[in-house]
C-alpha atoms as a PDB file:
ATOM      1  CA  UNK A   1     -22.918 -14.188  -1.260  1.00  0.00           C
ATOM      2  CA  UNK A   2     -20.836 -13.510  -4.334  1.00  0.00           C
ATOM      3  CA  UNK A   3     -17.343 -15.477  -4.854  1.00  0.00           C
ATOM      4  CA  UNK A   4     -15.880 -11.445  -4.398  1.00  0.00           C
ATOM      5  CA  UNK A   5     -18.104 -10.882  -1.246  1.00  0.00           C
ATOM      6  CA  UNK A   6     -16.841 -14.038   0.189  1.00  0.00           C
ATOM      7  CA  UNK A   7     -13.344 -13.015  -0.338  1.00  0.00           C
ATOM      8  CA  UNK A   8     -13.501  -9.524   0.890  1.00  0.00           C
ATOM      9  CA  UNK A   9     -15.449 -10.543   3.975  1.00  0.00           C
ATOM     10  CA  UNK A  10     -12.142 -13.058   4.402  1.00  0.00           C
ATOM     11  CA  UNK A  11      -9.398 -10.661   3.581  1.00  0.00           C
ATOM     12  CA  UNK A  12     -11.830  -8.030   6.583  1.00  0.00           C
ATOM     13  CA  UNK A  13     -11.604 -11.106   9.247  1.00  0.00           C
ATOM     14  CA  UNK A  14      -7.771 -11.626   8.361  1.00  0.00           C
ATOM     15  CA  UNK A  15      -6.602  -7.862   8.771  1.00  0.00           C
ATOM     16  CA  UNK A  16      -8.909  -7.511  11.722  1.00  0.00           C
ATOM     17  CA  UNK A  17      -7.555 -10.443  13.571  1.00  0.00           C
ATOM     18  CA  UNK A  18      -3.819  -9.203  12.663  1.00  0.00           C
ATOM     19  CA  UNK A  19      -4.842  -6.295  14.399  1.00  0.00           C
ATOM     20  CA  UNK A  20      -6.379  -8.066  17.369  1.00  0.00           C
ATOM     21  CA  UNK A  21      -4.613 -10.638  18.086  1.00  0.00           C
ATOM     22  CA  UNK A  22      -1.494  -9.316  19.369  1.00  0.00           C
ATOM     23  CA  UNK A  23      -3.425  -7.479  21.833  1.00  0.00           C
ATOM     24  CA  UNK A  24      -5.336 -10.566  23.309  1.00  0.00           C
ATOM     25  CA  UNK A  25      -2.404 -12.444  23.566  1.00  0.00           C
ATOM     26  CA  UNK A  26      -0.591  -9.853  25.407  1.00  0.00           C
ATOM     27  CA  UNK A  27       2.472  -9.757  23.177  1.00  0.00           C
ATOM     28  CA  UNK A  28       4.667  -6.906  24.258  1.00  0.00           C
ATOM     29  CA  UNK A  29       3.388  -6.779  27.670  1.00  0.00           C
ATOM     30  CA  UNK A  30       7.006  -7.519  29.032  1.00  0.00           C
ATOM     31  CA  UNK A  31       8.291  -4.179  27.794  1.00  0.00           C
ATOM     32  CA  UNK A  32       7.537  -0.522  28.656  1.00  0.00           C
ATOM     33  CA  UNK A  33       6.673   0.417  25.398  1.00  0.00           C
ATOM     34  CA  UNK A  34       5.115  -2.660  23.856  1.00  0.00           C
ATOM     35  CA  UNK A  35       4.647  -1.196  20.480  1.00  0.00           C
ATOM     36  CA  UNK A  36       7.723   0.375  19.247  1.00  0.00           C
ATOM     37  CA  UNK A  37       8.674   0.642  15.722  1.00  0.00           C
ATOM     38  CA  UNK A  38      11.910  -1.100  14.341  1.00  0.00           C
ATOM     39  CA  UNK A  39      14.034   2.191  14.608  1.00  0.00           C
ATOM     40  CA  UNK A  40      13.475   2.363  18.358  1.00  0.00           C
ATOM     41  CA  UNK A  41      14.370  -1.672  18.343  1.00  0.00           C
ATOM     42  CA  UNK A  42      17.460  -1.138  16.424  1.00  0.00           C
ATOM     43  CA  UNK A  43      18.576   1.789  18.454  1.00  0.00           C
ATOM     44  CA  UNK A  44      17.870  -0.476  21.727  1.00  0.00           C
ATOM     45  CA  UNK A  45      19.880  -3.208  20.178  1.00  0.00           C
ATOM     46  CA  UNK A  46      22.986  -1.065  18.592  1.00  0.00           C
ATOM     47  CA  UNK A  47      23.533   0.690  22.332  1.00  0.00           C
ATOM     48  CA  UNK A  48      23.557  -3.021  24.144  1.00  0.00           C
ATOM     49  CA  UNK A  49      26.138  -3.997  21.660  1.00  0.00           C
ATOM     50  CA  UNK A  50      28.468  -0.840  21.356  1.00  0.00           C
ATOM     51  CA  UNK A  51      27.705   1.442  24.445  1.00  0.00           C
ATOM     52  CA  UNK A  52      30.325   4.119  23.017  1.00  0.00           C
ATOM     53  CA  UNK A  53      28.516   4.309  19.244  1.00  0.00           C
ATOM     54  CA  UNK A  54      28.275   7.880  17.766  1.00  0.00           C
ATOM     55  CA  UNK A  55      25.378   7.880  15.191  1.00  0.00           C
ATOM     56  CA  UNK A  56      26.794   9.407  11.621  1.00  0.00           C
ATOM     57  CA  UNK A  57      23.689  11.444  11.183  1.00  0.00           C
ATOM     58  CA  UNK A  58      20.951  13.255  13.111  1.00  0.00           C
ATOM     59  CA  UNK A  59      17.133  13.562  12.025  1.00  0.00           C
ATOM     60  CA  UNK A  60      16.425  17.045  10.239  1.00  0.00           C
ATOM     61  CA  UNK A  61      13.291  16.982  12.581  1.00  0.00           C
ATOM     62  CA  UNK A  62      12.780  15.327  15.789  1.00  0.00           C
ATOM     63  CA  UNK A  63       9.027  15.326  16.674  1.00  0.00           C
ATOM     64  CA  UNK A  64       8.098  16.412  20.127  1.00  0.00           C
ATOM     65  CA  UNK A  65       6.777  12.958  21.080  1.00  0.00           C
ATOM     66  CA  UNK A  66       5.961   9.555  19.717  1.00  0.00           C
ATOM     67  CA  UNK A  67       2.299  10.199  18.912  1.00  0.00           C
ATOM     68  CA  UNK A  68       3.259  12.889  16.782  1.00  0.00           C
ATOM     69  CA  UNK A  69       5.844  10.671  15.160  1.00  0.00           C
ATOM     70  CA  UNK A  70       3.453   7.715  14.305  1.00  0.00           C
ATOM     71  CA  UNK A  71       1.009  10.285  13.047  1.00  0.00           C
ATOM     72  CA  UNK A  72       3.415  11.863  10.818  1.00  0.00           C
ATOM     73  CA  UNK A  73       4.597   8.141   9.539  1.00  0.00           C
ATOM     74  CA  UNK A  74       0.719   7.183   9.214  1.00  0.00           C
ATOM     75  CA  UNK A  75       0.327  10.362   7.029  1.00  0.00           C
ATOM     76  CA  UNK A  76       3.292   9.352   4.684  1.00  0.00           C
ATOM     77  CA  UNK A  77       1.839   5.943   4.098  1.00  0.00           C
ATOM     78  CA  UNK A  78      -1.482   7.165   3.379  1.00  0.00           C
ATOM     79  CA  UNK A  79       0.219   9.502   1.024  1.00  0.00           C
ATOM     80  CA  UNK A  80       2.208   6.871  -0.567  1.00  0.00           C
ATOM     81  CA  UNK A  81      -0.797   5.005  -1.032  1.00  0.00           C
ATOM     82  CA  UNK A  82      -2.819   7.509  -2.592  1.00  0.00           C
ATOM     83  CA  UNK A  83      -0.152   8.340  -5.292  1.00  0.00           C
ATOM     84  CA  UNK A  84       0.252   4.492  -6.135  1.00  0.00           C
ATOM     85  CA  UNK A  85      -3.524   4.347  -6.542  1.00  0.00           C
ATOM     86  CA  UNK A  86      -3.842   7.444  -8.730  1.00  0.00           C
ATOM     87  CA  UNK A  87      -1.291   5.939 -10.480  1.00  0.00           C
ATOM     88  CA  UNK A  88      -2.564   2.443 -10.976  1.00  0.00           C
ATOM     89  CA  UNK A  89      -6.235   4.493 -11.823  1.00  0.00           C
ATOM     90  CA  UNK A  90      -4.991   6.690 -14.528  1.00  0.00           C
ATOM     91  CA  UNK A  91      -3.247   3.706 -16.196  1.00  0.00           C
ATOM     92  CA  UNK A  92      -6.611   1.367 -15.942  1.00  0.00           C
ATOM     93  CA  UNK A  93      -8.401   4.392 -17.578  1.00  0.00           C
ATOM     94  CA  UNK A  94      -6.130   5.113 -20.448  1.00  0.00           C
ATOM     95  CA  UNK A  95      -6.393   1.460 -21.059  1.00  0.00           C
ATOM     96  CA  UNK A  96     -10.296   1.367 -21.309  1.00  0.00           C
ATOM     97  CA  UNK A  97      -9.833   4.487 -23.133  1.00  0.00           C
ATOM     98  CA  UNK A  98      -7.888   3.016 -25.776  1.00  0.00           C
ATOM     99  CA  UNK A  99     -10.143   0.100 -25.793  1.00  0.00           C
ATOM    100  CA  UNK A 100     -12.911   2.211 -26.147  1.00  0.00           C
ATOM    101  CA  UNK A 101     -11.435   4.310 -29.049  1.00  0.00           C
ATOM    102  CA  UNK A 102     -10.422   1.252 -31.031  1.00  0.00           C
ATOM    103  CA  UNK A 103     -13.956  -0.209 -30.739  1.00  0.00           C
ATOM    104  CA  UNK A 104     -15.534   3.163 -31.838  1.00  0.00           C
ATOM    105  CA  UNK A 105     -13.203   3.289 -34.852  1.00  0.00           C
ATOM    106  CA  UNK A 106     -13.892  -0.073 -35.961  1.00  0.00           C
ATOM    107  CA  UNK A 107     -17.415   0.491 -35.489  1.00  0.00           C
ATOM    108  CA  UNK A 108     -17.793  -2.036 -32.622  1.00  0.00           C
ATOM    109  CA  UNK A 109     -19.756  -1.164 -29.433  1.00  0.00           C
ATOM    110  CA  UNK A 110     -17.697  -1.569 -26.090  1.00  0.00           C
ATOM    111  CA  UNK A 111     -18.609  -4.295 -23.934  1.00  0.00           C
ATOM    112  CA  UNK A 112     -19.083  -3.074 -20.748  1.00  0.00           C
ATOM    113  CA  UNK A 113     -17.000  -4.304 -17.973  1.00  0.00           C
ATOM    114  CA  UNK A 114     -14.274  -5.970 -20.219  1.00  0.00           C
ATOM    115  CA  UNK A 115     -10.489  -4.829 -19.801  1.00  0.00           C
ATOM    116  CA  UNK A 116      -8.727  -7.532 -20.162  1.00  0.00           C
ATOM    117  CA  UNK A 117      -7.121  -9.548 -23.109  1.00  0.00           C
ATOM    118  CA  UNK A 118      -4.664  -8.222 -25.673  1.00  0.00           C
ATOM    119  CA  UNK A 119      -6.462  -8.214 -29.087  1.00  0.00           C
ATOM    120  CA  UNK A 120      -6.849  -4.529 -30.400  1.00  0.00           C
ATOM    121  CA  UNK A 121      -4.177  -2.851 -28.110  1.00  0.00           C
ATOM    122  CA  UNK A 122      -0.703  -3.059 -27.661  1.00  0.00           C
ATOM    123  CA  UNK A 123       1.686  -3.027 -30.697  1.00  0.00           C
ATOM    124  CA  UNK A 124      -1.388  -4.455 -33.362  1.00  0.00           C
ATOM    125  CA  UNK A 125      -2.974  -1.309 -32.406  1.00  0.00           C
ATOM    126  CA  UNK A 126      -0.762   0.480 -33.114  1.00  0.00           C
ATOM    127  CA  UNK A 127       0.054  -1.039 -36.491  1.00  0.00           C
ATOM    128  CA  UNK A 128      -3.373   0.072 -37.660  1.00  0.00           C
ATOM    129  CA  UNK A 129      -3.807   3.634 -38.675  1.00  0.00           C
END
């Protein structure tokens, strides 16, 4: 097993443990809704401290149930992760394309799998025309 495979297996184990351990240890069993979000916890704390508190704003859309609210939050997180992954993918692709173009222009064969280093990129590459 390679080093990367071991690291990936370890990370997968840690993520699984983070999901299972709270359930196995019964964390939140004393609550009516054991795994509510931070917003609900904050609202409960505020109403305990100041019962007459009036919020400044009201939500634009109030989902009919907590499950729909959770699904919308998960969708929002997935879309954000997709946008970030796309950005980093495009950025890496551009960098690799720059390196290939410079290598072809200089008459060198591009080395597969190499993306690191600063030789031939950045300011030094801009100076060569």
